[in-house]
């Protein structure tokens, strides 16, 4: 059974960069193969990982919706073929991109096939990292479900923390099968004050760790370099790996 980590948080907190860092960590610790799932409609996990997106599950769904199924081929076989084509393969990990959200019309049949495909595909990977879109839509639609760890990424601002707390509360209220929830404070310039720690504690969240702003990350972004290639001696990578060492159980390795 796959060990799944889903990332959530408001936009601009570095959630996708941390998703890439987690994939780097799994590779470093010999936990492969990994399936990366980019469930953000503004997909850019591929840029963090240095991969080119050639197809998405959304495209496959649209093709079925428009009736672009070859004569003599069932919809099930067509969708399976199209979705297999959307898997981007790499050495230690593969990536699947969900693509754009649904347009008008009924997508029930296509979405059922898509969900079944992801369930079947996940059986091939002992580790899954799912990068969700900003906010709470993915949770309210139950895109994020049955995960071992929900890792909520926030900055140290009050707005960021309030968004993180709402995400945590919604996940708890929907009872969607989250094993443990953690919050990571990212891009922090100063140590979080007692009021920040109190907000986190009052919400029943566990602070996994604090990652300080690292100029190396910005330099990679500006140069268009995949941040998965960040050197292991960078502050961002060392701190992130230390956090993952604490929250990823040895049993997952």
Protein backbone atom coordinates (compact mmCIF):
# COMPACT_ATOMS: atom_id res chain seq x y z
CA UNK A 1 0.00 0.00 0.00
CA UNK A 2 1.33 3.44 -0.94
CA UNK A 3 2.58 5.90 1.66
CA UNK A 4 1.03 9.19 0.62
CA UNK A 5 1.92 12.76 1.57
CA UNK A 6 -0.41 15.52 0.37
CA UNK A 7 0.60 19.18 0.49
CA UNK A 8 -1.80 22.05 1.00
CA UNK A 9 -1.70 25.75 1.83
CA UNK A 10 -2.49 29.16 0.46
CA UNK A 11 -0.73 30.44 -2.63
CA UNK A 12 2.74 31.93 -2.43
CA UNK A 13 3.99 29.90 0.51
CA UNK A 14 6.36 27.66 -1.47
CA UNK A 15 4.15 24.58 -1.28
CA UNK A 16 5.21 23.23 -4.68
CA UNK A 17 8.89 23.79 -3.92
CA UNK A 18 8.51 21.77 -0.73
CA UNK A 19 6.70 19.02 -2.67
CA UNK A 20 9.75 18.81 -4.92
CA UNK A 21 12.02 18.78 -1.87
CA UNK A 22 10.05 15.87 -0.43
CA UNK A 23 10.52 13.91 -3.66
CA UNK A 24 14.26 14.71 -3.45
CA UNK A 25 14.24 13.43 0.14
CA UNK A 26 12.53 10.18 -0.79
CA UNK A 27 15.11 9.61 -3.54
CA UNK A 28 18.00 10.42 -1.19
CA UNK A 29 16.73 7.97 1.43
CA UNK A 30 16.15 5.19 -1.11
CA UNK A 31 12.37 5.36 -1.02
CA UNK A 32 11.58 4.80 -4.67
CA UNK A 33 9.79 4.66 -7.03
CA UNK A 34 7.72 7.75 -6.33
CA UNK A 35 4.61 9.05 -8.03
CA UNK A 36 4.29 12.82 -8.07
CA UNK A 37 0.74 14.07 -8.58
CA UNK A 38 0.24 17.68 -9.59
CA UNK A 39 -3.38 18.36 -8.67
CA UNK A 40 -3.00 22.13 -9.03
CA UNK A 41 -4.84 23.63 -12.00
CA UNK A 42 -1.90 26.06 -12.23
CA UNK A 43 0.46 23.14 -12.68
CA UNK A 44 4.16 23.83 -12.10
CA UNK A 45 5.47 20.87 -10.11
CA UNK A 46 7.06 19.72 -13.37
CA UNK A 47 9.22 22.88 -13.38
CA UNK A 48 10.44 22.12 -9.87
CA UNK A 49 11.29 18.59 -11.02
CA UNK A 50 12.80 19.58 -14.38
CA UNK A 51 10.24 17.73 -16.51
CA UNK A 52 8.22 18.78 -19.55
CA UNK A 53 4.47 18.22 -19.50
CA UNK A 54 3.25 16.68 -22.76
CA UNK A 55 -0.24 15.61 -21.67
CA UNK A 56 -2.60 15.78 -18.69
CA UNK A 57 -5.46 13.76 -17.26
CA UNK A 58 -7.68 16.76 -17.94
CA UNK A 59 -6.94 16.42 -21.65
CA UNK A 60 -7.91 12.76 -21.53
CA UNK A 61 -11.17 13.63 -19.78
CA UNK A 62 -11.94 16.31 -22.37
CA UNK A 63 -11.29 13.90 -25.23
CA UNK A 64 -13.78 11.43 -23.78
CA UNK A 65 -16.31 14.18 -23.08
CA UNK A 66 -16.10 15.37 -26.71
CA UNK A 67 -16.56 11.84 -28.00
CA UNK A 68 -13.08 11.53 -29.51
CA UNK A 69 -13.12 7.76 -29.05
CA UNK A 70 -11.99 5.72 -32.08
CA UNK A 71 -14.62 3.41 -33.61
CA UNK A 72 -14.56 -0.04 -32.09
CA UNK A 73 -12.83 1.10 -28.88
CA UNK A 74 -14.70 1.22 -25.58
CA UNK A 75 -14.55 4.35 -23.46
CA UNK A 76 -12.83 2.40 -20.69
CA UNK A 77 -10.02 1.24 -22.98
CA UNK A 78 -9.70 4.68 -24.57
CA UNK A 79 -9.44 6.46 -21.21
CA UNK A 80 -6.97 3.91 -19.91
CA UNK A 81 -4.79 4.38 -23.00
CA UNK A 82 -4.97 8.19 -22.86
CA UNK A 83 -4.21 8.32 -19.16
CA UNK A 84 -1.27 5.96 -19.51
CA UNK A 85 0.08 8.35 -22.14
CA UNK A 86 -0.17 11.21 -19.63
CA UNK A 87 2.32 9.61 -17.21
CA UNK A 88 5.66 11.46 -17.43
CA UNK A 89 8.42 9.00 -16.64
CA UNK A 90 11.75 9.77 -14.97
CA UNK A 91 14.50 7.74 -13.33
CA UNK A 92 13.35 7.50 -9.71
CA UNK A 93 9.92 9.07 -9.98
CA UNK A 94 7.07 9.59 -12.39
CA UNK A 95 4.70 12.54 -12.61
CA UNK A 96 1.03 12.78 -13.45
CA UNK A 97 -0.57 16.19 -14.02
CA UNK A 98 -4.29 16.59 -13.41
CA UNK A 99 -4.59 19.62 -15.69
CA UNK A 100 -7.34 22.20 -15.93
CA UNK A 101 -10.50 21.92 -13.82
CA UNK A 102 -13.75 20.71 -15.30
CA UNK A 103 -15.73 22.84 -17.71
CA UNK A 104 -19.51 22.86 -18.14
CA UNK A 105 -21.42 19.63 -18.57
CA UNK A 106 -21.49 16.27 -16.86
CA UNK A 107 -18.16 14.59 -16.27
CA UNK A 108 -19.40 11.83 -13.99
CA UNK A 109 -18.34 8.91 -16.19
CA UNK A 110 -14.97 10.43 -17.11
CA UNK A 111 -14.19 11.37 -13.52
CA UNK A 112 -15.09 7.88 -12.29
CA UNK A 113 -12.67 6.37 -14.79
CA UNK A 114 -10.03 8.93 -13.85
CA UNK A 115 -10.38 8.16 -10.13
CA UNK A 116 -10.21 4.43 -10.79
CA UNK A 117 -7.10 4.94 -12.92
CA UNK A 118 -5.33 6.89 -10.17
CA UNK A 119 -6.25 4.23 -7.63
CA UNK A 120 -4.85 1.53 -9.91
CA UNK A 121 -1.76 3.55 -10.83
CA UNK A 122 -0.92 4.28 -7.22
CA UNK A 123 -0.53 0.56 -6.59
CA UNK A 124 2.67 0.67 -8.66
CA UNK A 125 4.33 3.22 -6.39
CA UNK A 126 5.17 2.73 -2.70
CA UNK A 127 5.41 6.53 -2.25
CA UNK A 128 3.14 9.26 -3.51
CA UNK A 129 3.60 13.03 -3.19
CA UNK A 130 0.50 15.04 -4.11
CA UNK A 131 0.81 18.78 -4.67
CA UNK A 132 -2.64 20.32 -4.36
CA UNK A 133 -3.91 23.68 -5.51
CA UNK A 134 -3.83 26.64 -3.15
CA UNK A 135 -6.67 27.03 -0.69
CA UNK A 136 -9.27 24.45 0.25
CA UNK A 137 -11.02 23.50 -2.99
CA UNK A 138 -9.19 20.20 -3.27
CA UNK A 139 -10.36 19.22 0.20
CA UNK A 140 -13.97 20.35 -0.25
CA UNK A 141 -14.08 18.31 -3.48
CA UNK A 142 -12.29 15.46 -1.66
CA UNK A 143 -9.43 15.37 -4.16
CA UNK A 144 -7.20 14.86 -1.12
CA UNK A 145 -8.33 11.71 0.66
CA UNK A 146 -6.81 8.70 2.34
CA UNK A 147 -3.39 10.21 2.90
CA UNK A 148 -0.88 9.27 5.57
CA UNK A 149 0.34 12.85 6.07
CA UNK A 150 -1.33 16.14 5.24
CA UNK A 151 1.49 18.67 5.20
CA UNK A 152 0.12 22.21 5.36
CA UNK A 153 2.58 24.88 4.25
CA UNK A 154 2.28 28.44 5.50
CA UNK A 155 4.31 31.55 6.03
CA UNK A 156 4.34 33.19 9.46
CA UNK A 157 1.72 35.81 8.57
CA UNK A 158 -1.64 35.83 10.30
CA UNK A 159 -3.47 35.38 6.99
CA UNK A 160 -1.31 32.42 6.07
CA UNK A 161 -1.85 30.79 9.45
CA UNK A 162 -5.59 31.37 9.33
CA UNK A 163 -5.74 29.68 5.92
CA UNK A 164 -3.69 26.76 7.23
CA UNK A 165 -5.96 26.39 10.25
CA UNK A 166 -9.08 26.44 8.06
CA UNK A 167 -7.58 23.74 5.82
CA UNK A 168 -6.85 21.62 8.87
CA UNK A 169 -10.33 22.13 10.26
CA UNK A 170 -12.01 21.28 6.97
CA UNK A 171 -9.96 18.12 6.57
CA UNK A 172 -10.89 17.05 10.10
CA UNK A 173 -14.54 17.85 9.60
CA UNK A 174 -14.88 15.95 6.33
CA UNK A 175 -13.26 12.84 7.79
CA UNK A 176 -11.43 12.13 4.53
CA UNK A 177 -8.90 9.70 5.92
CA UNK A 178 -5.92 11.85 6.92
CA UNK A 179 -3.47 9.99 9.13
CA UNK A 180 -1.61 12.96 10.63
CA UNK A 181 -1.61 16.68 9.90
CA UNK A 182 1.42 18.93 10.27
CA UNK A 183 2.17 22.55 9.52
CA UNK A 184 5.47 23.78 8.15
CA UNK A 185 6.33 27.48 8.33
CA UNK A 186 8.26 28.34 5.19
CA UNK A 187 10.18 31.40 3.98
CA UNK A 188 10.44 32.67 7.53
CA UNK A 189 12.71 35.65 8.15
CA UNK A 190 12.47 35.73 11.94
CA UNK A 191 11.72 33.06 14.51
CA UNK A 192 7.95 32.73 14.99
CA UNK A 193 6.72 34.63 18.07
CA UNK A 194 4.65 33.16 20.90
CA UNK A 195 1.40 34.39 19.35
CA UNK A 196 2.12 32.35 16.20
CA UNK A 197 2.94 29.24 18.19
CA UNK A 198 -0.20 29.75 20.28
CA UNK A 199 -2.41 29.95 17.16
CA UNK A 200 -0.96 26.68 15.91
CA UNK A 201 -1.37 24.98 19.28
CA UNK A 202 -4.94 26.21 19.75
CA UNK A 203 -5.86 24.76 16.35
CA UNK A 204 -4.60 21.33 17.38
CA UNK A 205 -1.92 21.39 14.70
CA UNK A 206 1.56 20.04 15.17
CA UNK A 207 4.41 22.27 14.01
CA UNK A 208 6.75 20.07 12.02
CA UNK A 209 9.38 22.76 11.66
CA UNK A 210 10.41 26.17 10.42
CA UNK A 211 12.30 26.81 7.17
CA UNK A 212 14.06 30.13 6.88
CA UNK A 213 14.12 32.10 3.65
CA UNK A 214 17.03 30.87 1.52
CA UNK A 215 18.46 33.04 -1.27
CA UNK A 216 19.62 29.91 -3.10
CA UNK A 217 15.99 28.95 -3.76
CA UNK A 218 15.28 32.36 -5.27
CA UNK A 219 18.43 32.17 -7.39
CA UNK A 220 17.33 28.83 -8.83
CA UNK A 221 13.84 30.21 -9.51
CA UNK A 222 15.20 33.29 -11.27
CA UNK A 223 17.49 31.17 -13.42
CA UNK A 224 14.70 28.73 -14.28
CA UNK A 225 16.62 25.85 -12.73
CA UNK A 226 14.69 22.93 -11.18
CA UNK A 227 14.86 23.32 -7.41
CA UNK A 228 15.09 19.54 -7.04
CA UNK A 229 18.72 20.11 -8.11
CA UNK A 230 19.45 22.34 -5.11
CA UNK A 231 22.69 21.27 -3.40
CA UNK A 232 22.26 19.18 -0.30
CA UNK A 233 24.36 21.60 1.73
CA UNK A 234 21.91 24.47 1.12
CA UNK A 235 20.04 25.65 4.21
CA UNK A 236 16.68 24.94 2.57
CA UNK A 237 17.53 21.33 1.78
CA UNK A 238 19.20 20.59 5.11
CA UNK A 239 16.35 22.06 7.14
CA UNK A 240 13.69 20.38 5.02
CA UNK A 241 15.39 16.99 5.24
CA UNK A 242 15.60 17.39 9.02
CA UNK A 243 11.85 18.03 9.17
CA UNK A 244 11.08 15.04 7.00
CA UNK A 245 13.30 12.85 9.18
CA UNK A 246 11.00 13.70 12.08
CA UNK A 247 7.61 13.21 10.43
CA UNK A 248 8.21 10.39 7.92
CA UNK A 249 8.16 7.12 9.87
CA UNK A 250 10.96 4.63 9.43
CA UNK A 251 8.33 2.07 8.53
CA UNK A 252 7.77 3.96 5.30
CA UNK A 253 11.30 3.26 4.18
